[in-house]
PDB file of N, CA and C in Angstrom:
ATOM      1  N   UNK A   1      -9.356  -0.365  -3.040  1.00  0.00           N
ATOM      2  CA  UNK A   1      -9.447   0.331  -1.876  1.00  0.00           C
ATOM      3  C   UNK A   1      -8.642   1.627  -2.204  1.00  0.00           C
ATOM      4  N   UNK A   2      -9.121   2.749  -1.972  1.00  0.00           N
ATOM      5  CA  UNK A   2      -8.325   3.898  -2.098  1.00  0.00           C
ATOM      6  C   UNK A   2      -7.224   3.882  -1.077  1.00  0.00           C
ATOM      7  N   UNK A   3      -6.063   4.643  -1.493  1.00  0.00           N
ATOM      8  CA  UNK A   3      -4.861   4.697  -0.704  1.00  0.00           C
ATOM      9  C   UNK A   3      -5.142   5.338   0.689  1.00  0.00           C
ATOM     10  N   UNK A   4      -6.091   6.401   0.688  1.00  0.00           N
ATOM     11  CA  UNK A   4      -6.391   7.111   1.871  1.00  0.00           C
ATOM     12  C   UNK A   4      -7.177   6.210   2.926  1.00  0.00           C
ATOM     13  N   UNK A   5      -7.935   5.345   2.482  1.00  0.00           N
ATOM     14  CA  UNK A   5      -8.670   4.362   3.253  1.00  0.00           C
ATOM     15  C   UNK A   5      -7.630   3.228   3.801  1.00  0.00           C
ATOM     16  N   UNK A   6      -6.823   2.854   3.022  1.00  0.00           N
ATOM     17  CA  UNK A   6      -5.775   1.936   3.353  1.00  0.00           C
ATOM     18  C   UNK A   6      -4.891   2.386   4.364  1.00  0.00           C
ATOM     19  N   UNK A   7      -4.597   3.726   4.251  1.00  0.00           N
ATOM     20  CA  UNK A   7      -3.685   4.334   5.373  1.00  0.00           C
ATOM     21  C   UNK A   7      -4.369   4.428   6.565  1.00  0.00           C
ATOM     22  N   UNK A   8      -5.613   4.942   6.661  1.00  0.00           N
ATOM     23  CA  UNK A   8      -6.502   4.905   7.870  1.00  0.00           C
ATOM     24  C   UNK A   8      -6.704   3.678   8.604  1.00  0.00           C
ATOM     25  N   UNK A   9      -6.910   2.553   7.816  1.00  0.00           N
ATOM     26  CA  UNK A   9      -7.017   1.335   8.334  1.00  0.00           C
ATOM     27  C   UNK A   9      -5.823   0.679   8.798  1.00  0.00           C
ATOM     28  N   UNK A  10      -4.695   1.032   8.159  1.00  0.00           N
ATOM     29  CA  UNK A  10      -3.361   0.416   8.611  1.00  0.00           C
ATOM     30  C   UNK A  10      -2.949   1.033   9.984  1.00  0.00           C
ATOM     31  N   UNK A  11      -3.405   2.220  10.325  1.00  0.00           N
ATOM     32  CA  UNK A  11      -3.120   2.650  11.610  1.00  0.00           C
ATOM     33  C   UNK A  11      -3.664   1.924  12.772  1.00  0.00           C
ATOM     34  N   UNK A  12      -4.751   1.363  12.537  1.00  0.00           N
ATOM     35  CA  UNK A  12      -5.323   0.433  13.589  1.00  0.00           C
ATOM     36  C   UNK A  12      -5.749  -0.869  13.245  1.00  0.00           C
ATOM     37  N   UNK A  13      -4.905  -1.662  12.405  1.00  0.00           N
ATOM     38  CA  UNK A  13      -5.285  -2.824  11.719  1.00  0.00           C
ATOM     39  C   UNK A  13      -5.499  -3.883  12.877  1.00  0.00           C
ATOM     40  N   UNK A  14      -4.813  -3.872  13.960  1.00  0.00           N
ATOM     41  CA  UNK A  14      -4.906  -4.865  14.866  1.00  0.00           C
ATOM     42  C   UNK A  14      -6.254  -5.017  15.376  1.00  0.00           C
ATOM     43  N   UNK A  15      -7.172  -3.953  15.320  1.00  0.00           N
ATOM     44  CA  UNK A  15      -8.515  -4.065  15.852  1.00  0.00           C
ATOM     45  C   UNK A  15      -9.606  -4.329  14.888  1.00  0.00           C
ATOM     46  N   UNK A  16      -9.062  -4.486  13.684  1.00  0.00           N
ATOM     47  CA  UNK A  16     -10.043  -4.635  12.594  1.00  0.00           C
ATOM     48  C   UNK A  16     -10.542  -6.179  12.434  1.00  0.00           C
ATOM     49  N   UNK A  17     -11.790  -6.300  11.861  1.00  0.00           N
ATOM     50  CA  UNK A  17     -12.151  -7.674  11.631  1.00  0.00           C
ATOM     51  C   UNK A  17     -11.174  -8.517  10.651  1.00  0.00           C
ATOM     52  N   UNK A  18     -11.215  -9.723  10.818  1.00  0.00           N
ATOM     53  CA  UNK A  18     -10.210 -10.537  10.043  1.00  0.00           C
ATOM     54  C   UNK A  18     -10.290 -10.359   8.654  1.00  0.00           C
ATOM     55  N   UNK A  19     -11.621 -10.134   8.046  1.00  0.00           N
ATOM     56  CA  UNK A  19     -11.626  -9.850   6.621  1.00  0.00           C
ATOM     57  C   UNK A  19     -10.876  -8.669   6.082  1.00  0.00           C
ATOM     58  N   UNK A  20     -11.004  -7.537   6.866  1.00  0.00           N
ATOM     59  CA  UNK A  20     -10.218  -6.377   6.426  1.00  0.00           C
ATOM     60  C   UNK A  20      -8.587  -6.633   6.653  1.00  0.00           C
ATOM     61  N   UNK A  21      -8.201  -7.118   7.669  1.00  0.00           N
ATOM     62  CA  UNK A  21      -6.823  -7.375   7.980  1.00  0.00           C
ATOM     63  C   UNK A  21      -6.408  -8.333   6.772  1.00  0.00           C
ATOM     64  N   UNK A  22      -7.093  -9.289   6.325  1.00  0.00           N
ATOM     65  CA  UNK A  22      -6.613 -10.054   5.140  1.00  0.00           C
ATOM     66  C   UNK A  22      -6.519  -9.328   3.799  1.00  0.00           C
ATOM     67  N   UNK A  23      -7.564  -8.421   3.617  1.00  0.00           N
ATOM     68  CA  UNK A  23      -7.585  -7.264   2.588  1.00  0.00           C
ATOM     69  C   UNK A  23      -6.341  -6.528   2.573  1.00  0.00           C
ATOM     70  N   UNK A  24      -5.994  -6.116   3.738  1.00  0.00           N
ATOM     71  CA  UNK A  24      -4.897  -5.241   3.844  1.00  0.00           C
ATOM     72  C   UNK A  24      -3.535  -6.022   3.603  1.00  0.00           C
ATOM     73  N   UNK A  25      -3.638  -7.256   3.978  1.00  0.00           N
ATOM     74  CA  UNK A  25      -2.426  -8.128   3.633  1.00  0.00           C
ATOM     75  C   UNK A  25      -2.238  -8.472   2.242  1.00  0.00           C
ATOM     76  N   UNK A  26      -3.323  -8.629   1.681  1.00  0.00           N
ATOM     77  CA  UNK A  26      -3.250  -8.870   0.170  1.00  0.00           C
ATOM     78  C   UNK A  26      -2.731  -7.513  -0.620  1.00  0.00           C
ATOM     79  N   UNK A  27      -2.999  -6.432  -0.036  1.00  0.00           N
ATOM     80  CA  UNK A  27      -2.607  -5.095  -0.774  1.00  0.00           C
ATOM     81  C   UNK A  27      -0.983  -5.070  -0.419  1.00  0.00           C
ATOM     82  N   UNK A  28      -0.619  -5.464   0.690  1.00  0.00           N
ATOM     83  CA  UNK A  28       0.929  -5.355   0.982  1.00  0.00           C
ATOM     84  C   UNK A  28       1.586  -6.349   0.126  1.00  0.00           C
ATOM     85  N   UNK A  29       1.074  -7.598  -0.168  1.00  0.00           N
ATOM     86  CA  UNK A  29       1.709  -8.594  -0.975  1.00  0.00           C
ATOM     87  C   UNK A  29       1.704  -8.055  -2.303  1.00  0.00           C
ATOM     88  N   UNK A  30       0.698  -7.449  -2.845  1.00  0.00           N
ATOM     89  CA  UNK A  30       0.774  -6.847  -4.256  1.00  0.00           C
ATOM     90  C   UNK A  30       1.777  -5.635  -4.285  1.00  0.00           C
ATOM     91  N   UNK A  31       1.864  -5.016  -3.244  1.00  0.00           N
ATOM     92  CA  UNK A  31       2.925  -3.813  -3.248  1.00  0.00           C
ATOM     93  C   UNK A  31       4.266  -4.280  -3.325  1.00  0.00           C
ATOM     94  N   UNK A  32       4.636  -5.406  -2.727  1.00  0.00           N
ATOM     95  CA  UNK A  32       5.887  -6.051  -2.670  1.00  0.00           C
ATOM     96  C   UNK A  32       6.193  -6.379  -4.299  1.00  0.00           C
ATOM     97  N   UNK A  33       5.212  -6.821  -5.014  1.00  0.00           N
ATOM     98  CA  UNK A  33       5.465  -7.191  -6.459  1.00  0.00           C
ATOM     99  C   UNK A  33       5.785  -5.942  -7.322  1.00  0.00           C
ATOM    100  N   UNK A  34       5.292  -4.797  -6.874  1.00  0.00           N
ATOM    101  CA  UNK A  34       5.337  -3.465  -7.645  1.00  0.00           C
ATOM    102  C   UNK A  34       6.534  -2.798  -7.257  1.00  0.00           C
ATOM    103  N   UNK A  35       7.251  -3.156  -6.190  1.00  0.00           N
ATOM    104  CA  UNK A  35       8.371  -2.357  -5.774  1.00  0.00           C
ATOM    105  C   UNK A  35       9.393  -2.333  -6.902  1.00  0.00           C
ATOM    106  N   UNK A  36       9.801  -3.263  -7.537  1.00  0.00           N
ATOM    107  CA  UNK A  36      10.898  -3.085  -8.603  1.00  0.00           C
ATOM    108  C   UNK A  36      10.409  -2.289 -10.045  1.00  0.00           C
ATOM    109  N   UNK A  37       9.109  -2.034  -9.960  1.00  0.00           N
ATOM    110  CA  UNK A  37       8.609  -1.127 -11.026  1.00  0.00           C
ATOM    111  C   UNK A  37       8.914   0.292 -10.821  1.00  0.00           C
ATOM    112  N   UNK A  38       9.180   0.728  -9.699  1.00  0.00           N
ATOM    113  CA  UNK A  38       9.203   2.141  -9.247  1.00  0.00           C
ATOM    114  C   UNK A  38      10.470   2.687 -10.078  1.00  0.00           C
ATOM    115  N   UNK A  39      11.725   2.238 -10.025  1.00  0.00           N
ATOM    116  CA  UNK A  39      12.856   2.736 -10.788  1.00  0.00           C
ATOM    117  C   UNK A  39      12.529   2.854 -12.225  1.00  0.00           C
ATOM    118  N   UNK A  40      11.640   2.175 -12.763  1.00  0.00           N
ATOM    119  CA  UNK A  40      11.281   2.263 -14.256  1.00  0.00           C
ATOM    120  C   UNK A  40      10.516   3.337 -14.714  1.00  0.00           C
ATOM    121  N   UNK A  41       9.625   3.997 -13.606  1.00  0.00           N
ATOM    122  CA  UNK A  41       8.974   5.018 -13.857  1.00  0.00           C
ATOM    123  C   UNK A  41       9.608   6.350 -14.007  1.00  0.00           C
ATOM    124  N   UNK A  42       9.121   7.252 -14.733  1.00  0.00           N
ATOM    125  CA  UNK A  42       9.611   8.594 -14.789  1.00  0.00           C
ATOM    126  C   UNK A  42       9.646   9.263 -13.442  1.00  0.00           C
ATOM    127  N   UNK A  43      10.602   9.871 -12.889  1.00  0.00           N
ATOM    128  CA  UNK A  43      10.575  10.492 -11.771  1.00  0.00           C
ATOM    129  C   UNK A  43       9.693  11.733 -11.895  1.00  0.00           C
ATOM    130  N   UNK A  44       8.757  12.000 -10.922  1.00  0.00           N
ATOM    131  CA  UNK A  44       7.893  12.959 -10.821  1.00  0.00           C
ATOM    132  C   UNK A  44       6.528  12.776 -11.575  1.00  0.00           C
ATOM    133  N   UNK A  45       6.435  11.558 -12.375  1.00  0.00           N
ATOM    134  CA  UNK A  45       5.191  11.406 -13.138  1.00  0.00           C
ATOM    135  C   UNK A  45       4.152  11.031 -12.032  1.00  0.00           C
ATOM    136  N   UNK A  46       2.906  11.207 -12.503  1.00  0.00           N
ATOM    137  CA  UNK A  46       1.836  10.730 -11.523  1.00  0.00           C
ATOM    138  C   UNK A  46       1.670   9.370 -11.027  1.00  0.00           C
ATOM    139  N   UNK A  47       2.165   8.498 -12.049  1.00  0.00           N
ATOM    140  CA  UNK A  47       2.214   7.031 -11.760  1.00  0.00           C
ATOM    141  C   UNK A  47       3.323   6.814 -10.745  1.00  0.00           C
ATOM    142  N   UNK A  48       4.475   7.336 -10.795  1.00  0.00           N
ATOM    143  CA  UNK A  48       5.702   7.190  -9.814  1.00  0.00           C
ATOM    144  C   UNK A  48       5.213   7.692  -8.669  1.00  0.00           C
ATOM    145  N   UNK A  49       4.613   8.893  -8.465  1.00  0.00           N
ATOM    146  CA  UNK A  49       4.252   9.557  -7.357  1.00  0.00           C
ATOM    147  C   UNK A  49       3.193   8.685  -6.466  1.00  0.00           C
ATOM    148  N   UNK A  50       2.395   8.089  -7.213  1.00  0.00           N
ATOM    149  CA  UNK A  50       1.173   7.267  -6.647  1.00  0.00           C
ATOM    150  C   UNK A  50       1.754   5.981  -6.029  1.00  0.00           C
ATOM    151  N   UNK A  51       2.698   5.457  -7.003  1.00  0.00           N
ATOM    152  CA  UNK A  51       3.144   4.211  -6.399  1.00  0.00           C
ATOM    153  C   UNK A  51       4.153   4.404  -5.193  1.00  0.00           C
ATOM    154  N   UNK A  52       4.933   5.378  -5.158  1.00  0.00           N
ATOM    155  CA  UNK A  52       5.632   5.662  -4.122  1.00  0.00           C
ATOM    156  C   UNK A  52       4.810   5.938  -2.853  1.00  0.00           C
ATOM    157  N   UNK A  53       3.736   6.665  -2.888  1.00  0.00           N
ATOM    158  CA  UNK A  53       2.813   6.908  -1.673  1.00  0.00           C
ATOM    159  C   UNK A  53       2.253   5.420  -1.202  1.00  0.00           C
ATOM    160  N   UNK A  54       2.187   4.610  -2.083  1.00  0.00           N
ATOM    161  CA  UNK A  54       1.475   3.279  -1.869  1.00  0.00           C
ATOM    162  C   UNK A  54       2.676   2.684  -1.143  1.00  0.00           C
ATOM    163  N   UNK A  55       3.737   2.694  -1.625  1.00  0.00           N
ATOM    164  CA  UNK A  55       4.984   1.819  -1.050  1.00  0.00           C
ATOM    165  C   UNK A  55       5.386   2.287   0.317  1.00  0.00           C
ATOM    166  N   UNK A  56       5.163   3.549   0.630  1.00  0.00           N
ATOM    167  CA  UNK A  56       5.374   4.145   2.013  1.00  0.00           C
ATOM    168  C   UNK A  56       4.329   3.570   2.831  1.00  0.00           C
ATOM    169  N   UNK A  57       3.287   2.938   2.623  1.00  0.00           N
ATOM    170  CA  UNK A  57       2.272   2.155   3.441  1.00  0.00           C
ATOM    171  C   UNK A  57       2.880   0.768   3.882  1.00  0.00           C
ATOM    172  N   UNK A  58       3.710   0.213   3.036  1.00  0.00           N
ATOM    173  CA  UNK A  58       4.084  -1.161   3.398  1.00  0.00           C
ATOM    174  C   UNK A  58       4.379  -1.478   4.702  1.00  0.00           C
ATOM    175  N   UNK A  59       5.306  -0.640   5.322  1.00  0.00           N
ATOM    176  CA  UNK A  59       5.708  -0.951   6.763  1.00  0.00           C
ATOM    177  C   UNK A  59       4.505  -0.832   7.749  1.00  0.00           C
ATOM    178  N   UNK A  60       3.452  -0.227   7.404  1.00  0.00           N
ATOM    179  CA  UNK A  60       2.318  -0.028   8.235  1.00  0.00           C
ATOM    180  C   UNK A  60       1.316  -1.131   8.118  1.00  0.00           C
ATOM    181  N   UNK A  61       1.247  -1.803   7.035  1.00  0.00           N
ATOM    182  CA  UNK A  61       0.273  -2.873   6.756  1.00  0.00           C
ATOM    183  C   UNK A  61       0.674  -4.162   7.541  1.00  0.00           C
ATOM    184  N   UNK A  62      -0.304  -4.968   7.724  1.00  0.00           N
ATOM    185  CA  UNK A  62      -0.110  -6.220   8.432  1.00  0.00           C
ATOM    186  C   UNK A  62       0.485  -7.252   7.595  1.00  0.00           C
TER     187      UNK A  62
END
């Protein structure tokens, strides 16, 4: 799922069908596993920026 779509769905996740809520939850679980990788990435690299943007979504996900 593209990050932009995940962000849109995160804003109203309580009203989503169960399947979409579970998909967002799986994304959140995967992001928790990636959090320790962020300090290993070169600051300002596209990978670091992308991961940082994804990690900012974590508090908004179910």
